[in-house]
Amino acid sequence: MSRFNEIEIALVERLNALKAEPGKIINLTDLSPRLNALGYAKDEVLAVLLALEQDGIFVFAPGNRLRILKALPE
């Protein structure tokens, strides 16, 4: 499994733990520190976040937040 896929899985698991669903807003401060604690660098996490945004899963919102647009990948 690639490092990117590993981070994507960890990110989606964290979003699921935060009960992310369409319409919900998630603070990035609820995501990044936990992923950094797992050993993932900020730039690695950002690359995955940008890819998921490009897929239309969420959009970045003001105040370091994410607005979930559709169901998370499994």
PDB file of N, CA and C in Angstrom:
ATOM      1  N   MET A   1       0.851  -1.167   0.000  1.00  0.00           N
ATOM      2  CA  MET A   1       0.000   0.000   0.000  1.00  0.00           C
ATOM      3  C   MET A   1       0.903   1.238   0.000  1.00  0.00           C
ATOM      4  N   SER A   2       0.535   2.218  -0.813  1.00  0.00           N
ATOM      5  CA  SER A   2       1.342   3.429  -0.885  1.00  0.00           C
ATOM      6  C   SER A   2       1.120   4.308   0.337  1.00  0.00           C
ATOM      7  N   ARG A   3       2.044   5.185   0.574  1.00  0.00           N
ATOM      8  CA  ARG A   3       1.944   6.120   1.704  1.00  0.00           C
ATOM      9  C   ARG A   3       0.683   6.986   1.546  1.00  0.00           C
ATOM     10  N   PHE A   4       0.408   7.426   0.315  1.00  0.00           N
ATOM     11  CA  PHE A   4      -0.781   8.242   0.047  1.00  0.00           C
ATOM     12  C   PHE A   4      -2.046   7.495   0.459  1.00  0.00           C
ATOM     13  N   ASN A   5      -2.162   6.236   0.050  1.00  0.00           N
ATOM     14  CA  ASN A   5      -3.345   5.437   0.405  1.00  0.00           C
ATOM     15  C   ASN A   5      -3.446   5.219   1.905  1.00  0.00           C
ATOM     16  N   GLU A   6      -2.319   5.023   2.540  1.00  0.00           N
ATOM     17  CA  GLU A   6      -2.288   4.839   3.994  1.00  0.00           C
ATOM     18  C   GLU A   6      -2.832   6.091   4.705  1.00  0.00           C
ATOM     19  N   ILE A   7      -2.413   7.259   4.237  1.00  0.00           N
ATOM     20  CA  ILE A   7      -2.874   8.516   4.834  1.00  0.00           C
ATOM     21  C   ILE A   7      -4.351   8.732   4.527  1.00  0.00           C
ATOM     22  N   GLU A   8      -4.772   8.404   3.316  1.00  0.00           N
ATOM     23  CA  GLU A   8      -6.185   8.561   2.949  1.00  0.00           C
ATOM     24  C   GLU A   8      -7.073   7.700   3.853  1.00  0.00           C
ATOM     25  N   ILE A   9      -6.662   6.482   4.109  1.00  0.00           N
ATOM     26  CA  ILE A   9      -7.430   5.589   4.980  1.00  0.00           C
ATOM     27  C   ILE A   9      -7.494   6.165   6.401  1.00  0.00           C
ATOM     28  N   ALA A  10      -6.363   6.639   6.910  1.00  0.00           N
ATOM     29  CA  ALA A  10      -6.336   7.220   8.252  1.00  0.00           C
ATOM     30  C   ALA A  10      -7.210   8.472   8.323  1.00  0.00           C
ATOM     31  N   LEU A  11      -7.185   9.275   7.281  1.00  0.00           N
ATOM     32  CA  LEU A  11      -7.991  10.490   7.234  1.00  0.00           C
ATOM     33  C   LEU A  11      -9.482  10.169   7.193  1.00  0.00           C
ATOM     34  N   VAL A  12      -9.869   9.232   6.353  1.00  0.00           N
ATOM     35  CA  VAL A  12     -11.282   8.844   6.260  1.00  0.00           C
ATOM     36  C   VAL A  12     -11.752   8.218   7.566  1.00  0.00           C
ATOM     37  N   GLU A  13     -10.907   7.417   8.203  1.00  0.00           N
ATOM     38  CA  GLU A  13     -11.268   6.844   9.509  1.00  0.00           C
ATOM     39  C   GLU A  13     -11.496   7.944  10.540  1.00  0.00           C
ATOM     40  N   ARG A  14     -10.643   8.957  10.524  1.00  0.00           N
ATOM     41  CA  ARG A  14     -10.795  10.070  11.469  1.00  0.00           C
ATOM     42  C   ARG A  14     -12.077  10.852  11.168  1.00  0.00           C
ATOM     43  N   LEU A  15     -12.350  11.095   9.883  1.00  0.00           N
ATOM     44  CA  LEU A  15     -13.582  11.800   9.513  1.00  0.00           C
ATOM     45  C   LEU A  15     -14.811  10.988   9.937  1.00  0.00           C
ATOM     46  N   ASN A  16     -14.752   9.687   9.763  1.00  0.00           N
ATOM     47  CA  ASN A  16     -15.862   8.835  10.216  1.00  0.00           C
ATOM     48  C   ASN A  16     -16.039   8.910  11.725  1.00  0.00           C
ATOM     49  N   ALA A  17     -14.938   8.961  12.459  1.00  0.00           N
ATOM     50  CA  ALA A  17     -15.008   9.078  13.912  1.00  0.00           C
ATOM     51  C   ALA A  17     -15.659  10.394  14.327  1.00  0.00           C
ATOM     52  N   LEU A  18     -15.492  11.417  13.489  1.00  0.00           N
ATOM     53  CA  LEU A  18     -16.106  12.718  13.754  1.00  0.00           C
ATOM     54  C   LEU A  18     -17.522  12.803  13.183  1.00  0.00           C
ATOM     55  N   LYS A  19     -18.006  11.661  12.681  1.00  0.00           N
ATOM     56  CA  LYS A  19     -19.357  11.556  12.117  1.00  0.00           C
ATOM     57  C   LYS A  19     -19.586  12.531  10.961  1.00  0.00           C
ATOM     58  N   ALA A  20     -18.579  12.613  10.082  1.00  0.00           N
ATOM     59  CA  ALA A  20     -18.673  13.476   8.910  1.00  0.00           C
ATOM     60  C   ALA A  20     -19.734  12.942   7.956  1.00  0.00           C
ATOM     61  N   GLU A  21     -20.619  13.814   7.549  1.00  0.00           N
ATOM     62  CA  GLU A  21     -21.674  13.471   6.595  1.00  0.00           C
ATOM     63  C   GLU A  21     -21.974  14.715   5.783  1.00  0.00           C
ATOM     64  N   PRO A  22     -22.625  14.569   4.642  1.00  0.00           N
ATOM     65  CA  PRO A  22     -22.911  15.735   3.810  1.00  0.00           C
ATOM     66  C   PRO A  22     -23.606  16.841   4.611  1.00  0.00           C
ATOM     67  N   GLY A  23     -23.080  18.053   4.446  1.00  0.00           N
ATOM     68  CA  GLY A  23     -23.631  19.210   5.128  1.00  0.00           C
ATOM     69  C   GLY A  23     -22.914  19.570   6.419  1.00  0.00           C
ATOM     70  N   LYS A  24     -22.147  18.638   6.972  1.00  0.00           N
ATOM     71  CA  LYS A  24     -21.457  18.889   8.240  1.00  0.00           C
ATOM     72  C   LYS A  24     -20.156  19.642   7.977  1.00  0.00           C
ATOM     73  N   ILE A  25     -19.795  20.489   8.927  1.00  0.00           N
ATOM     74  CA  ILE A  25     -18.532  21.228   8.851  1.00  0.00           C
ATOM     75  C   ILE A  25     -17.584  20.645   9.896  1.00  0.00           C
ATOM     76  N   ILE A  26     -16.362  20.355   9.458  1.00  0.00           N
ATOM     77  CA  ILE A  26     -15.338  19.754  10.315  1.00  0.00           C
ATOM     78  C   ILE A  26     -14.170  20.729  10.442  1.00  0.00           C
ATOM     79  N   ASN A  27     -13.703  20.940  11.654  1.00  0.00           N
ATOM     80  CA  ASN A  27     -12.528  21.765  11.904  1.00  0.00           C
ATOM     81  C   ASN A  27     -11.273  20.997  11.541  1.00  0.00           C
ATOM     82  N   LEU A  28     -10.361  21.621  10.827  1.00  0.00           N
ATOM     83  CA  LEU A  28      -9.102  20.957  10.501  1.00  0.00           C
ATOM     84  C   LEU A  28      -8.291  20.665  11.765  1.00  0.00           C
ATOM     85  N   THR A  29      -8.520  21.443  12.811  1.00  0.00           N
ATOM     86  CA  THR A  29      -7.800  21.186  14.066  1.00  0.00           C
ATOM     87  C   THR A  29      -8.254  19.894  14.723  1.00  0.00           C
ATOM     88  N   ASP A  30      -9.381  19.343  14.263  1.00  0.00           N
ATOM     89  CA  ASP A  30      -9.824  18.037  14.755  1.00  0.00           C
ATOM     90  C   ASP A  30      -9.209  16.894  13.947  1.00  0.00           C
ATOM     91  N   LEU A  31      -8.564  17.230  12.830  1.00  0.00           N
ATOM     92  CA  LEU A  31      -7.971  16.212  11.965  1.00  0.00           C
ATOM     93  C   LEU A  31      -6.452  16.185  12.034  1.00  0.00           C
ATOM     94  N   SER A  32      -5.855  17.295  11.684  1.00  0.00           N
ATOM     95  CA  SER A  32      -4.407  17.347  11.475  1.00  0.00           C
ATOM     96  C   SER A  32      -3.563  16.910  12.662  1.00  0.00           C
ATOM     97  N   PRO A  33      -3.795  17.423  13.872  1.00  0.00           N
ATOM     98  CA  PRO A  33      -2.922  17.001  14.984  1.00  0.00           C
ATOM     99  C   PRO A  33      -2.913  15.494  15.205  1.00  0.00           C
ATOM    100  N   ARG A  34      -4.061  14.854  15.054  1.00  0.00           N
ATOM    101  CA  ARG A  34      -4.114  13.394  15.257  1.00  0.00           C
ATOM    102  C   ARG A  34      -3.342  12.667  14.169  1.00  0.00           C
ATOM    103  N   LEU A  35      -3.468  13.144  12.932  1.00  0.00           N
ATOM    104  CA  LEU A  35      -2.741  12.503  11.839  1.00  0.00           C
ATOM    105  C   LEU A  35      -1.240  12.762  11.968  1.00  0.00           C
ATOM    106  N   ASN A  36      -0.869  13.967  12.403  1.00  0.00           N
ATOM    107  CA  ASN A  36       0.543  14.262  12.639  1.00  0.00           C
ATOM    108  C   ASN A  36       1.099  13.369  13.742  1.00  0.00           C
ATOM    109  N   ALA A  37       0.292  13.101  14.761  1.00  0.00           N
ATOM    110  CA  ALA A  37       0.722  12.231  15.863  1.00  0.00           C
ATOM    111  C   ALA A  37       0.953  10.793  15.388  1.00  0.00           C
ATOM    112  N   LEU A  38       0.255  10.418  14.309  1.00  0.00           N
ATOM    113  CA  LEU A  38       0.445   9.079  13.745  1.00  0.00           C
ATOM    114  C   LEU A  38       1.688   9.003  12.854  1.00  0.00           C
ATOM    115  N   GLY A  39       2.367  10.148  12.693  1.00  0.00           N
ATOM    116  CA  GLY A  39       3.604  10.165  11.919  1.00  0.00           C
ATOM    117  C   GLY A  39       3.478  10.705  10.511  1.00  0.00           C
ATOM    118  N   TYR A  40       2.335  11.264  10.177  1.00  0.00           N
ATOM    119  CA  TYR A  40       2.134  11.822   8.839  1.00  0.00           C
ATOM    120  C   TYR A  40       2.453  13.307   8.854  1.00  0.00           C
ATOM    121  N   ALA A  41       3.284  13.736   7.920  1.00  0.00           N
ATOM    122  CA  ALA A  41       3.687  15.141   7.835  1.00  0.00           C
ATOM    123  C   ALA A  41       2.544  15.995   7.302  1.00  0.00           C
ATOM    124  N   LYS A  42       2.583  17.274   7.659  1.00  0.00           N
ATOM    125  CA  LYS A  42       1.531  18.200   7.243  1.00  0.00           C
ATOM    126  C   LYS A  42       1.372  18.241   5.724  1.00  0.00           C
ATOM    127  N   ASP A  43       2.485  18.244   5.004  1.00  0.00           N
ATOM    128  CA  ASP A  43       2.394  18.313   3.538  1.00  0.00           C
ATOM    129  C   ASP A  43       1.795  17.037   2.949  1.00  0.00           C
ATOM    130  N   GLU A  44       2.036  15.897   3.589  1.00  0.00           N
ATOM    131  CA  GLU A  44       1.431  14.639   3.136  1.00  0.00           C
ATOM    132  C   GLU A  44      -0.078  14.658   3.350  1.00  0.00           C
ATOM    133  N   VAL A  45      -0.499  15.130   4.522  1.00  0.00           N
ATOM    134  CA  VAL A  45      -1.927  15.206   4.837  1.00  0.00           C
ATOM    135  C   VAL A  45      -2.603  16.195   3.893  1.00  0.00           C
ATOM    136  N   LEU A  46      -1.947  17.329   3.638  1.00  0.00           N
ATOM    137  CA  LEU A  46      -2.510  18.328   2.738  1.00  0.00           C
ATOM    138  C   LEU A  46      -2.689  17.766   1.334  1.00  0.00           C
ATOM    139  N   ALA A  47      -1.750  16.969   0.863  1.00  0.00           N
ATOM    140  CA  ALA A  47      -1.863  16.372  -0.472  1.00  0.00           C
ATOM    141  C   ALA A  47      -3.109  15.482  -0.572  1.00  0.00           C
ATOM    142  N   VAL A  48      -3.377  14.727   0.472  1.00  0.00           N
ATOM    143  CA  VAL A  48      -4.566  13.867   0.491  1.00  0.00           C
ATOM    144  C   VAL A  48      -5.831  14.721   0.574  1.00  0.00           C
ATOM    145  N   LEU A  49      -5.809  15.741   1.418  1.00  0.00           N
ATOM    146  CA  LEU A  49      -6.961  16.642   1.521  1.00  0.00           C
ATOM    147  C   LEU A  49      -7.274  17.295   0.176  1.00  0.00           C
ATOM    148  N   LEU A  50      -6.250  17.750  -0.523  1.00  0.00           N
ATOM    149  CA  LEU A  50      -6.455  18.375  -1.830  1.00  0.00           C
ATOM    150  C   LEU A  50      -7.026  17.383  -2.838  1.00  0.00           C
ATOM    151  N   ALA A  51      -6.578  16.144  -2.780  1.00  0.00           N
ATOM    152  CA  ALA A  51      -7.098  15.116  -3.692  1.00  0.00           C
ATOM    153  C   ALA A  51      -8.571  14.835  -3.410  1.00  0.00           C
ATOM    154  N   LEU A  52      -8.941  14.750  -2.134  1.00  0.00           N
ATOM    155  CA  LEU A  52     -10.339  14.502  -1.779  1.00  0.00           C
ATOM    156  C   LEU A  52     -11.214  15.704  -2.141  1.00  0.00           C
ATOM    157  N   GLU A  53     -10.654  16.898  -2.006  1.00  0.00           N
ATOM    158  CA  GLU A  53     -11.414  18.084  -2.423  1.00  0.00           C
ATOM    159  C   GLU A  53     -11.639  18.048  -3.936  1.00  0.00           C
ATOM    160  N   GLN A  54     -10.619  17.677  -4.667  1.00  0.00           N
ATOM    161  CA  GLN A  54     -10.727  17.589  -6.125  1.00  0.00           C
ATOM    162  C   GLN A  54     -11.756  16.527  -6.532  1.00  0.00           C
ATOM    163  N   ASP A  55     -11.921  15.502  -5.729  1.00  0.00           N
ATOM    164  CA  ASP A  55     -12.919  14.465  -5.991  1.00  0.00           C
ATOM    165  C   ASP A  55     -14.329  14.913  -5.606  1.00  0.00           C
ATOM    166  N   GLY A  56     -14.443  16.108  -5.001  1.00  0.00           N
ATOM    167  CA  GLY A  56     -15.748  16.640  -4.639  1.00  0.00           C
ATOM    168  C   GLY A  56     -16.316  16.094  -3.345  1.00  0.00           C
ATOM    169  N   ILE A  57     -15.475  15.489  -2.518  1.00  0.00           N
ATOM    170  CA  ILE A  57     -15.925  14.942  -1.234  1.00  0.00           C
ATOM    171  C   ILE A  57     -16.257  16.086  -0.271  1.00  0.00           C
ATOM    172  N   PHE A  58     -15.443  17.131  -0.295  1.00  0.00           N
ATOM    173  CA  PHE A  58     -15.656  18.305   0.550  1.00  0.00           C
ATOM    174  C   PHE A  58     -15.045  19.519  -0.119  1.00  0.00           C
ATOM    175  N   VAL A  59     -15.293  20.686   0.455  1.00  0.00           N
ATOM    176  CA  VAL A  59     -14.631  21.921   0.043  1.00  0.00           C
ATOM    177  C   VAL A  59     -14.021  22.546   1.281  1.00  0.00           C
ATOM    178  N   PHE A  60     -12.950  23.261   1.068  1.00  0.00           N
ATOM    179  CA  PHE A  60     -12.366  24.017   2.170  1.00  0.00           C
ATOM    180  C   PHE A  60     -13.270  25.200   2.457  1.00  0.00           C
ATOM    181  N   ALA A  61     -13.516  25.451   3.728  1.00  0.00           N
ATOM    182  CA  ALA A  61     -14.385  26.537   4.164  1.00  0.00           C
ATOM    183  C   ALA A  61     -13.558  27.518   4.997  1.00  0.00           C
ATOM    184  N   PRO A  62     -14.052  28.744   5.164  1.00  0.00           N
ATOM    185  CA  PRO A  62     -13.319  29.723   5.974  1.00  0.00           C
ATOM    186  C   PRO A  62     -13.069  29.208   7.395  1.00  0.00           C
ATOM    187  N   GLY A  63     -11.992  29.700   7.988  1.00  0.00           N
ATOM    188  CA  GLY A  63     -11.693  29.343   9.364  1.00  0.00           C
ATOM    189  C   GLY A  63     -11.071  27.976   9.533  1.00  0.00           C
ATOM    190  N   ASN A  64     -10.306  27.508   8.540  1.00  0.00           N
ATOM    191  CA  ASN A  64      -9.652  26.187   8.625  1.00  0.00           C
ATOM    192  C   ASN A  64     -10.653  25.067   8.846  1.00  0.00           C
ATOM    193  N   ARG A  65     -11.660  25.041   8.016  1.00  0.00           N
ATOM    194  CA  ARG A  65     -12.702  24.028   8.132  1.00  0.00           C
ATOM    195  C   ARG A  65     -12.942  23.348   6.795  1.00  0.00           C
ATOM    196  N   LEU A  66     -13.619  22.214   6.873  1.00  0.00           N
ATOM    197  CA  LEU A  66     -14.048  21.480   5.683  1.00  0.00           C
ATOM    198  C   LEU A  66     -15.565  21.371   5.719  1.00  0.00           C
ATOM    199  N   ARG A  67     -16.206  21.606   4.597  1.00  0.00           N
ATOM    200  CA  ARG A  67     -17.649  21.381   4.485  1.00  0.00           C
ATOM    201  C   ARG A  67     -17.813  20.102   3.675  1.00  0.00           C
ATOM    202  N   ILE A  68     -18.365  19.073   4.304  1.00  0.00           N
ATOM    203  CA  ILE A  68     -18.553  17.780   3.655  1.00  0.00           C
ATOM    204  C   ILE A  68     -19.688  17.899   2.630  1.00  0.00           C
ATOM    205  N   LEU A  69     -19.427  17.473   1.402  1.00  0.00           N
ATOM    206  CA  LEU A  69     -20.403  17.582   0.327  1.00  0.00           C
ATOM    207  C   LEU A  69     -21.097  16.262  -0.011  1.00  0.00           C
ATOM    208  N   LYS A  70     -20.346  15.163   0.105  1.00  0.00           N
ATOM    209  CA  LYS A  70     -20.943  13.866  -0.197  1.00  0.00           C
ATOM    210  C   LYS A  70     -20.324  12.792   0.670  1.00  0.00           C
ATOM    211  N   ALA A  71     -20.908  11.628   0.628  1.00  0.00           N
ATOM    212  CA  ALA A  71     -20.466  10.522   1.485  1.00  0.00           C
ATOM    213  C   ALA A  71     -18.981  10.233   1.289  1.00  0.00           C
ATOM    214  N   LEU A  72     -18.338   9.856   2.369  1.00  0.00           N
ATOM    215  CA  LEU A  72     -16.910   9.543   2.338  1.00  0.00           C
ATOM    216  C   LEU A  72     -16.651   8.233   1.613  1.00  0.00           C
ATOM    217  N   PRO A  73     -15.494   8.122   0.945  1.00  0.00           N
ATOM    218  CA  PRO A  73     -15.160   6.830   0.323  1.00  0.00           C
ATOM    219  C   PRO A  73     -14.928   5.771   1.385  1.00  0.00           C
ATOM    220  N   GLU A  74     -15.160   4.543   1.012  1.00  0.00           N
ATOM    221  CA  GLU A  74     -14.952   3.437   1.961  1.00  0.00           C
ATOM    222  C   GLU A  74     -13.584   2.842   1.817  1.00  0.00           C
TER     223      GLU A  74
END
